[in-house]
Amino acid sequence: HVFPNPAKENITFDVVENATLTIYALTG
């Protein structure tokens, strides 16, 4: 569950398990 989308000041990632979050620009 990723919200809000589009985001303004914050974005929340809601997952059950421990996870590694990686964020990339469109350029990679």
PDB file of all heavy atoms in Angstrom:
ATOM      1  N   HIS A   1       0.880  -1.167   0.000  1.00  0.00           N
ATOM      2  CA  HIS A   1       0.000   0.000   0.000  1.00  0.00           C
ATOM      3  C   HIS A   1       0.921   1.220   0.000  1.00  0.00           C
ATOM      4  O   HIS A   1       1.657   1.432   0.961  1.00  0.00           O
ATOM      5  CB  HIS A   1      -0.894  -0.044   1.233  1.00  0.00           C
ATOM      6  CG  HIS A   1      -1.980   0.968   1.205  1.00  0.00           C
ATOM      7  ND1 HIS A   1      -2.600   1.386   2.346  1.00  0.00           N
ATOM      8  CD2 HIS A   1      -2.576   1.645   0.196  1.00  0.00           C
ATOM      9  CE1 HIS A   1      -3.521   2.283   2.026  1.00  0.00           C
ATOM     10  NE2 HIS A   1      -3.516   2.454   0.738  1.00  0.00           N
ATOM     11  N   VAL A   2       0.918   1.984  -1.087  1.00  0.00           N
ATOM     12  CA  VAL A   2       1.781   3.165  -1.244  1.00  0.00           C
ATOM     13  C   VAL A   2       0.863   4.367  -1.409  1.00  0.00           C
ATOM     14  O   VAL A   2       0.069   4.429  -2.354  1.00  0.00           O
ATOM     15  CB  VAL A   2       2.716   3.006  -2.466  1.00  0.00           C
ATOM     16  CG1 VAL A   2       3.601   4.223  -2.629  1.00  0.00           C
ATOM     17  CG2 VAL A   2       3.557   1.734  -2.336  1.00  0.00           C
ATOM     18  N   PHE A   3       0.974   5.325  -0.494  1.00  0.00           N
ATOM     19  CA  PHE A   3       0.039   6.458  -0.524  1.00  0.00           C
ATOM     20  C   PHE A   3       0.673   7.688   0.105  1.00  0.00           C
ATOM     21  O   PHE A   3       1.599   7.552   0.897  1.00  0.00           O
ATOM     22  CB  PHE A   3      -1.262   6.084   0.209  1.00  0.00           C
ATOM     23  CG  PHE A   3      -1.054   5.743   1.666  1.00  0.00           C
ATOM     24  CD1 PHE A   3      -1.204   6.699   2.649  1.00  0.00           C
ATOM     25  CD2 PHE A   3      -0.674   4.453   2.059  1.00  0.00           C
ATOM     26  CE1 PHE A   3      -1.009   6.393   4.001  1.00  0.00           C
ATOM     27  CE2 PHE A   3      -0.481   4.130   3.402  1.00  0.00           C
ATOM     28  CZ  PHE A   3      -0.646   5.104   4.366  1.00  0.00           C
ATOM     29  N   PRO A   4       0.224   8.901  -0.202  1.00  0.00           N
ATOM     30  CA  PRO A   4      -0.652   9.214  -1.333  1.00  0.00           C
ATOM     31  C   PRO A   4       0.132   9.160  -2.635  1.00  0.00           C
ATOM     32  O   PRO A   4       1.353   9.304  -2.633  1.00  0.00           O
ATOM     33  CB  PRO A   4      -1.111  10.640  -1.030  1.00  0.00           C
ATOM     34  CG  PRO A   4       0.035  11.250  -0.273  1.00  0.00           C
ATOM     35  CD  PRO A   4       0.623  10.108   0.525  1.00  0.00           C
ATOM     36  N   ASN A   5      -0.545   8.973  -3.706  1.00  0.00           N
ATOM     37  CA  ASN A   5       0.105   8.945  -5.014  1.00  0.00           C
ATOM     38  C   ASN A   5      -0.826   9.627  -5.997  1.00  0.00           C
ATOM     39  O   ASN A   5      -1.865   9.051  -6.317  1.00  0.00           O
ATOM     40  CB  ASN A   5       0.401   7.518  -5.436  1.00  0.00           C
ATOM     41  CG  ASN A   5       1.320   7.438  -6.621  1.00  0.00           C
ATOM     42  OD1 ASN A   5       1.836   8.445  -7.084  1.00  0.00           O
ATOM     43  ND2 ASN A   5       1.515   6.234  -7.132  1.00  0.00           N
ATOM     44  N   PRO A   6      -0.524  10.840  -6.434  1.00  0.00           N
ATOM     45  CA  PRO A   6       0.740  11.568  -6.284  1.00  0.00           C
ATOM     46  C   PRO A   6       0.948  12.092  -4.870  1.00  0.00           C
ATOM     47  O   PRO A   6      -0.002  12.326  -4.136  1.00  0.00           O
ATOM     48  CB  PRO A   6       0.635  12.707  -7.295  1.00  0.00           C
ATOM     49  CG  PRO A   6      -0.821  12.884  -7.548  1.00  0.00           C
ATOM     50  CD  PRO A   6      -1.468  11.548  -7.304  1.00  0.00           C
ATOM     51  N   ALA A   7       2.222  12.257  -4.538  1.00  0.00           N
ATOM     52  CA  ALA A   7       2.622  12.722  -3.208  1.00  0.00           C
ATOM     53  C   ALA A   7       3.081  14.172  -3.276  1.00  0.00           C
ATOM     54  O   ALA A   7       3.504  14.649  -4.325  1.00  0.00           O
ATOM     55  CB  ALA A   7       3.736  11.846  -2.666  1.00  0.00           C
ATOM     56  N   LYS A   8       3.045  14.834  -2.125  1.00  0.00           N
ATOM     57  CA  LYS A   8       3.459  16.235  -2.053  1.00  0.00           C
ATOM     58  C   LYS A   8       4.648  16.396  -1.105  1.00  0.00           C
ATOM     59  O   LYS A   8       5.719  16.820  -1.534  1.00  0.00           O
ATOM     60  CB  LYS A   8       2.292  17.095  -1.594  1.00  0.00           C
ATOM     61  CG  LYS A   8       2.493  18.557  -1.777  1.00  0.00           C
ATOM     62  CD  LYS A   8       1.201  19.295  -1.490  1.00  0.00           C
ATOM     63  CE  LYS A   8       1.339  20.730  -1.937  1.00  0.00           C
ATOM     64  NZ  LYS A   8       0.090  21.448  -1.910  1.00  0.00           N
ATOM     65  N   GLU A   9       4.482  16.071   0.163  1.00  0.00           N
ATOM     66  CA  GLU A   9       5.546  16.247   1.160  1.00  0.00           C
ATOM     67  C   GLU A   9       6.092  14.923   1.678  1.00  0.00           C
ATOM     68  O   GLU A   9       7.254  14.831   2.039  1.00  0.00           O
ATOM     69  CB  GLU A   9       5.010  17.066   2.330  1.00  0.00           C
ATOM     70  CG  GLU A   9       4.604  18.468   1.939  1.00  0.00           C
ATOM     71  CD  GLU A   9       3.919  19.216   3.073  1.00  0.00           C
ATOM     72  OE1 GLU A   9       3.808  18.666   4.185  1.00  0.00           O
ATOM     73  OE2 GLU A   9       3.501  20.353   2.849  1.00  0.00           O
ATOM     74  N   ASN A  10       5.233  13.902   1.756  1.00  0.00           N
ATOM     75  CA  ASN A  10       5.610  12.594   2.282  1.00  0.00           C
ATOM     76  C   ASN A  10       4.935  11.512   1.458  1.00  0.00           C
ATOM     77  O   ASN A  10       3.890  11.747   0.863  1.00  0.00           O
ATOM     78  CB  ASN A  10       5.131  12.415   3.735  1.00  0.00           C
ATOM     79  CG  ASN A  10       5.727  13.437   4.654  1.00  0.00           C
ATOM     80  OD1 ASN A  10       6.928  13.525   4.802  1.00  0.00           O
ATOM     81  ND2 ASN A  10       4.869  14.234   5.286  1.00  0.00           N
ATOM     82  N   ILE A  11       5.523  10.312   1.467  1.00  0.00           N
ATOM     83  CA  ILE A  11       4.885   9.141   0.887  1.00  0.00           C
ATOM     84  C   ILE A  11       5.058   7.998   1.877  1.00  0.00           C
ATOM     85  O   ILE A  11       6.094   7.909   2.541  1.00  0.00           O
ATOM     86  CB  ILE A  11       5.440   8.801  -0.509  1.00  0.00           C
ATOM     87  CG1 ILE A  11       4.555   7.754  -1.172  1.00  0.00           C
ATOM     88  CG2 ILE A  11       6.892   8.378  -0.461  1.00  0.00           C
ATOM     89  CD1 ILE A  11       4.706   7.709  -2.679  1.00  0.00           C
ATOM     90  N   THR A  12       4.029   7.166   1.998  1.00  0.00           N
ATOM     91  CA  THR A  12       4.057   6.068   2.955  1.00  0.00           C
ATOM     92  C   THR A  12       4.033   4.739   2.225  1.00  0.00           C
ATOM     93  O   THR A  12       3.231   4.538   1.301  1.00  0.00           O
ATOM     94  CB  THR A  12       2.858   6.162   3.916  1.00  0.00           C
ATOM     95  OG1 THR A  12       2.941   7.405   4.617  1.00  0.00           O
ATOM     96  CG2 THR A  12       2.849   5.023   4.915  1.00  0.00           C
ATOM     97  N   PHE A  13       4.929   3.847   2.637  1.00  0.00           N
ATOM     98  CA  PHE A  13       4.985   2.473   2.130  1.00  0.00           C
ATOM     99  C   PHE A  13       4.537   1.578   3.277  1.00  0.00           C
ATOM    100  O   PHE A  13       5.143   1.591   4.343  1.00  0.00           O
ATOM    101  CB  PHE A  13       6.417   2.112   1.709  1.00  0.00           C
ATOM    102  CG  PHE A  13       6.911   2.913   0.545  1.00  0.00           C
ATOM    103  CD1 PHE A  13       7.492   4.158   0.743  1.00  0.00           C
ATOM    104  CD2 PHE A  13       6.783   2.441  -0.747  1.00  0.00           C
ATOM    105  CE1 PHE A  13       7.946   4.913  -0.331  1.00  0.00           C
ATOM    106  CE2 PHE A  13       7.230   3.187  -1.826  1.00  0.00           C
ATOM    107  CZ  PHE A  13       7.813   4.423  -1.614  1.00  0.00           C
ATOM    108  N   ASP A  14       3.475   0.822   3.063  1.00  0.00           N
ATOM    109  CA  ASP A  14       2.919  -0.037   4.105  1.00  0.00           C
ATOM    110  C   ASP A  14       3.083  -1.488   3.671  1.00  0.00           C
ATOM    111  O   ASP A  14       2.442  -1.932   2.708  1.00  0.00           O
ATOM    112  CB  ASP A  14       1.449   0.317   4.315  1.00  0.00           C
ATOM    113  CG  ASP A  14       0.875  -0.256   5.592  1.00  0.00           C
ATOM    114  OD1 ASP A  14       1.592  -0.988   6.298  1.00  0.00           O
ATOM    115  OD2 ASP A  14      -0.298   0.025   5.882  1.00  0.00           O
ATOM    116  N   VAL A  15       3.954  -2.234   4.351  1.00  0.00           N
ATOM    117  CA  VAL A  15       4.235  -3.634   4.027  1.00  0.00           C
ATOM    118  C   VAL A  15       4.169  -4.465   5.303  1.00  0.00           C
ATOM    119  O   VAL A  15       4.327  -3.953   6.407  1.00  0.00           O
ATOM    120  CB  VAL A  15       5.615  -3.802   3.362  1.00  0.00           C
ATOM    121  CG1 VAL A  15       5.666  -3.095   2.024  1.00  0.00           C
ATOM    122  CG2 VAL A  15       6.725  -3.295   4.254  1.00  0.00           C
ATOM    123  N   VAL A  16       3.936  -5.771   5.149  1.00  0.00           N
ATOM    124  CA  VAL A  16       3.856  -6.662   6.298  1.00  0.00           C
ATOM    125  C   VAL A  16       5.242  -7.107   6.734  1.00  0.00           C
ATOM    126  O   VAL A  16       5.577  -7.102   7.905  1.00  0.00           O
ATOM    127  CB  VAL A  16       2.969  -7.884   5.961  1.00  0.00           C
ATOM    128  CG1 VAL A  16       3.024  -8.908   7.072  1.00  0.00           C
ATOM    129  CG2 VAL A  16       1.540  -7.438   5.731  1.00  0.00           C
ATOM    130  N   GLU A  17       6.070  -7.528   5.783  1.00  0.00           N
ATOM    131  CA  GLU A  17       7.403  -8.055   6.077  1.00  0.00           C
ATOM    132  C   GLU A  17       8.455  -6.947   6.102  1.00  0.00           C
ATOM    133  O   GLU A  17       8.255  -5.897   5.518  1.00  0.00           O
ATOM    134  CB  GLU A  17       7.842  -9.031   4.979  1.00  0.00           C
ATOM    135  CG  GLU A  17       7.004 -10.246   4.826  1.00  0.00           C
ATOM    136  CD  GLU A  17       7.577 -11.129   3.738  1.00  0.00           C
ATOM    137  OE1 GLU A  17       8.781 -11.429   3.772  1.00  0.00           O
ATOM    138  OE2 GLU A  17       6.813 -11.511   2.851  1.00  0.00           O
ATOM    139  N   ASN A  18       9.596  -7.238   6.715  1.00  0.00           N
ATOM    140  CA  ASN A  18      10.749  -6.357   6.569  1.00  0.00           C
ATOM    141  C   ASN A  18      11.156  -6.383   5.103  1.00  0.00           C
ATOM    142  O   ASN A  18      11.149  -7.444   4.477  1.00  0.00           O
ATOM    143  CB  ASN A  18      11.914  -6.834   7.423  1.00  0.00           C
ATOM    144  CG  ASN A  18      11.621  -6.716   8.895  1.00  0.00           C
ATOM    145  OD1 ASN A  18      10.726  -5.999   9.305  1.00  0.00           O
ATOM    146  ND2 ASN A  18      12.374  -7.428   9.699  1.00  0.00           N
ATOM    147  N   ALA A  19      11.511  -5.228   4.564  1.00  0.00           N
ATOM    148  CA  ALA A  19      11.849  -5.144   3.145  1.00  0.00           C
ATOM    149  C   ALA A  19      12.903  -4.077   2.925  1.00  0.00           C
ATOM    150  O   ALA A  19      13.071  -3.170   3.742  1.00  0.00           O
ATOM    151  CB  ALA A  19      10.605  -4.820   2.322  1.00  0.00           C
ATOM    152  N   THR A  20      13.589  -4.185   1.804  1.00  0.00           N
ATOM    153  CA  THR A  20      14.512  -3.150   1.359  1.00  0.00           C
ATOM    154  C   THR A  20      13.794  -2.305   0.327  1.00  0.00           C
ATOM    155  O   THR A  20      13.337  -2.823  -0.698  1.00  0.00           O
ATOM    156  CB  THR A  20      15.782  -3.756   0.741  1.00  0.00           C
ATOM    157  OG1 THR A  20      16.416  -4.596   1.701  1.00  0.00           O
ATOM    158  CG2 THR A  20      16.751  -2.666   0.302  1.00  0.00           C
ATOM    159  N   LEU A  21      13.666  -1.016   0.604  1.00  0.00           N
ATOM    160  CA  LEU A  21      13.047  -0.065  -0.317  1.00  0.00           C
ATOM    161  C   LEU A  21      14.157   0.606  -1.107  1.00  0.00           C
ATOM    162  O   LEU A  21      15.107   1.140  -0.532  1.00  0.00           O
ATOM    163  CB  LEU A  21      12.257   0.996   0.463  1.00  0.00           C
ATOM    164  CG  LEU A  21      11.794   2.219  -0.324  1.00  0.00           C
ATOM    165  CD1 LEU A  21      10.785   1.829  -1.395  1.00  0.00           C
ATOM    166  CD2 LEU A  21      11.213   3.260   0.616  1.00  0.00           C
ATOM    167  N   THR A  22      14.034   0.558  -2.424  1.00  0.00           N
ATOM    168  CA  THR A  22      14.981   1.226  -3.308  1.00  0.00           C
ATOM    169  C   THR A  22      14.188   2.155  -4.212  1.00  0.00           C
ATOM    170  O   THR A  22      13.176   1.753  -4.776  1.00  0.00           O
ATOM    171  CB  THR A  22      15.759   0.206  -4.160  1.00  0.00           C
ATOM    172  OG1 THR A  22      16.276  -0.816  -3.314  1.00  0.00           O
ATOM    173  CG2 THR A  22      16.921   0.858  -4.884  1.00  0.00           C
ATOM    174  N   ILE A  23      14.648   3.410  -4.334  1.00  0.00           N
ATOM    175  CA  ILE A  23      13.970   4.392  -5.182  1.00  0.00           C
ATOM    176  C   ILE A  23      14.947   4.846  -6.265  1.00  0.00           C
ATOM    177  O   ILE A  23      16.104   5.158  -5.982  1.00  0.00           O
ATOM    178  CB  ILE A  23      13.472   5.597  -4.362  1.00  0.00           C
ATOM    179  CG1 ILE A  23      12.432   5.119  -3.346  1.00  0.00           C
ATOM    180  CG2 ILE A  23      12.888   6.678  -5.281  1.00  0.00           C
ATOM    181  CD1 ILE A  23      11.901   6.193  -2.434  1.00  0.00           C
ATOM    182  N   TYR A  24      14.432   4.870  -7.502  1.00  0.00           N
ATOM    183  CA  TYR A  24      15.221   5.260  -8.670  1.00  0.00           C
ATOM    184  C   TYR A  24      14.549   6.419  -9.394  1.00  0.00           C
ATOM    185  O   TYR A  24      13.319   6.489  -9.458  1.00  0.00           O
ATOM    186  CB  TYR A  24      15.314   4.101  -9.676  1.00  0.00           C
ATOM    187  CG  TYR A  24      15.977   2.869  -9.151  1.00  0.00           C
ATOM    188  CD1 TYR A  24      15.237   1.843  -8.581  1.00  0.00           C
ATOM    189  CD2 TYR A  24      17.351   2.713  -9.238  1.00  0.00           C
ATOM    190  CE1 TYR A  24      15.846   0.695  -8.106  1.00  0.00           C
ATOM    191  CE2 TYR A  24      17.965   1.568  -8.765  1.00  0.00           C
ATOM    192  CZ  TYR A  24      17.213   0.562  -8.209  1.00  0.00           C
ATOM    193  OH  TYR A  24      17.810  -0.574  -7.736  1.00  0.00           O
ATOM    194  N   ALA A  25      15.367   7.302  -9.985  1.00  0.00           N
ATOM    195  CA  ALA A  25      14.862   8.321 -10.902  1.00  0.00           C
ATOM    196  C   ALA A  25      14.506   7.621 -12.218  1.00  0.00           C
ATOM    197  O   ALA A  25      14.915   6.482 -12.460  1.00  0.00           O
ATOM    198  CB  ALA A  25      15.931   9.387 -11.144  1.00  0.00           C
ATOM    199  N   LEU A  26      13.766   8.283 -13.085  1.00  0.00           N
ATOM    200  CA  LEU A  26      13.425   7.702 -14.387  1.00  0.00           C
ATOM    201  C   LEU A  26      14.657   7.395 -15.219  1.00  0.00           C
ATOM    202  O   LEU A  26      14.628   6.527 -16.086  1.00  0.00           O
ATOM    203  CB  LEU A  26      12.497   8.637 -15.168  1.00  0.00           C
ATOM    204  CG  LEU A  26      11.032   8.620 -14.746  1.00  0.00           C
ATOM    205  CD1 LEU A  26      10.221   9.603 -15.589  1.00  0.00           C
ATOM    206  CD2 LEU A  26      10.439   7.239 -14.842  1.00  0.00           C
ATOM    207  N   THR A  27      15.752   8.078 -14.935  1.00  0.00           N
ATOM    208  CA  THR A  27      17.006   7.843 -15.661  1.00  0.00           C
ATOM    209  C   THR A  27      17.701   6.561 -15.193  1.00  0.00           C
ATOM    210  O   THR A  27      18.686   6.148 -15.774  1.00  0.00           O
ATOM    211  CB  THR A  27      17.976   9.014 -15.448  1.00  0.00           C
ATOM    212  OG1 THR A  27      18.257   9.122 -14.041  1.00  0.00           O
ATOM    213  CG2 THR A  27      17.406  10.315 -15.969  1.00  0.00           C
ATOM    214  N   GLY A  28      17.195   5.952 -14.119  1.00  0.00           N
ATOM    215  CA  GLY A  28      17.817   4.751 -13.570  1.00  0.00           C
ATOM    216  C   GLY A  28      18.770   5.036 -12.429  1.00  0.00           C
ATOM    217  O   GLY A  28      19.313   4.115 -11.826  1.00  0.00           O
TER     218      GLY A  28
END
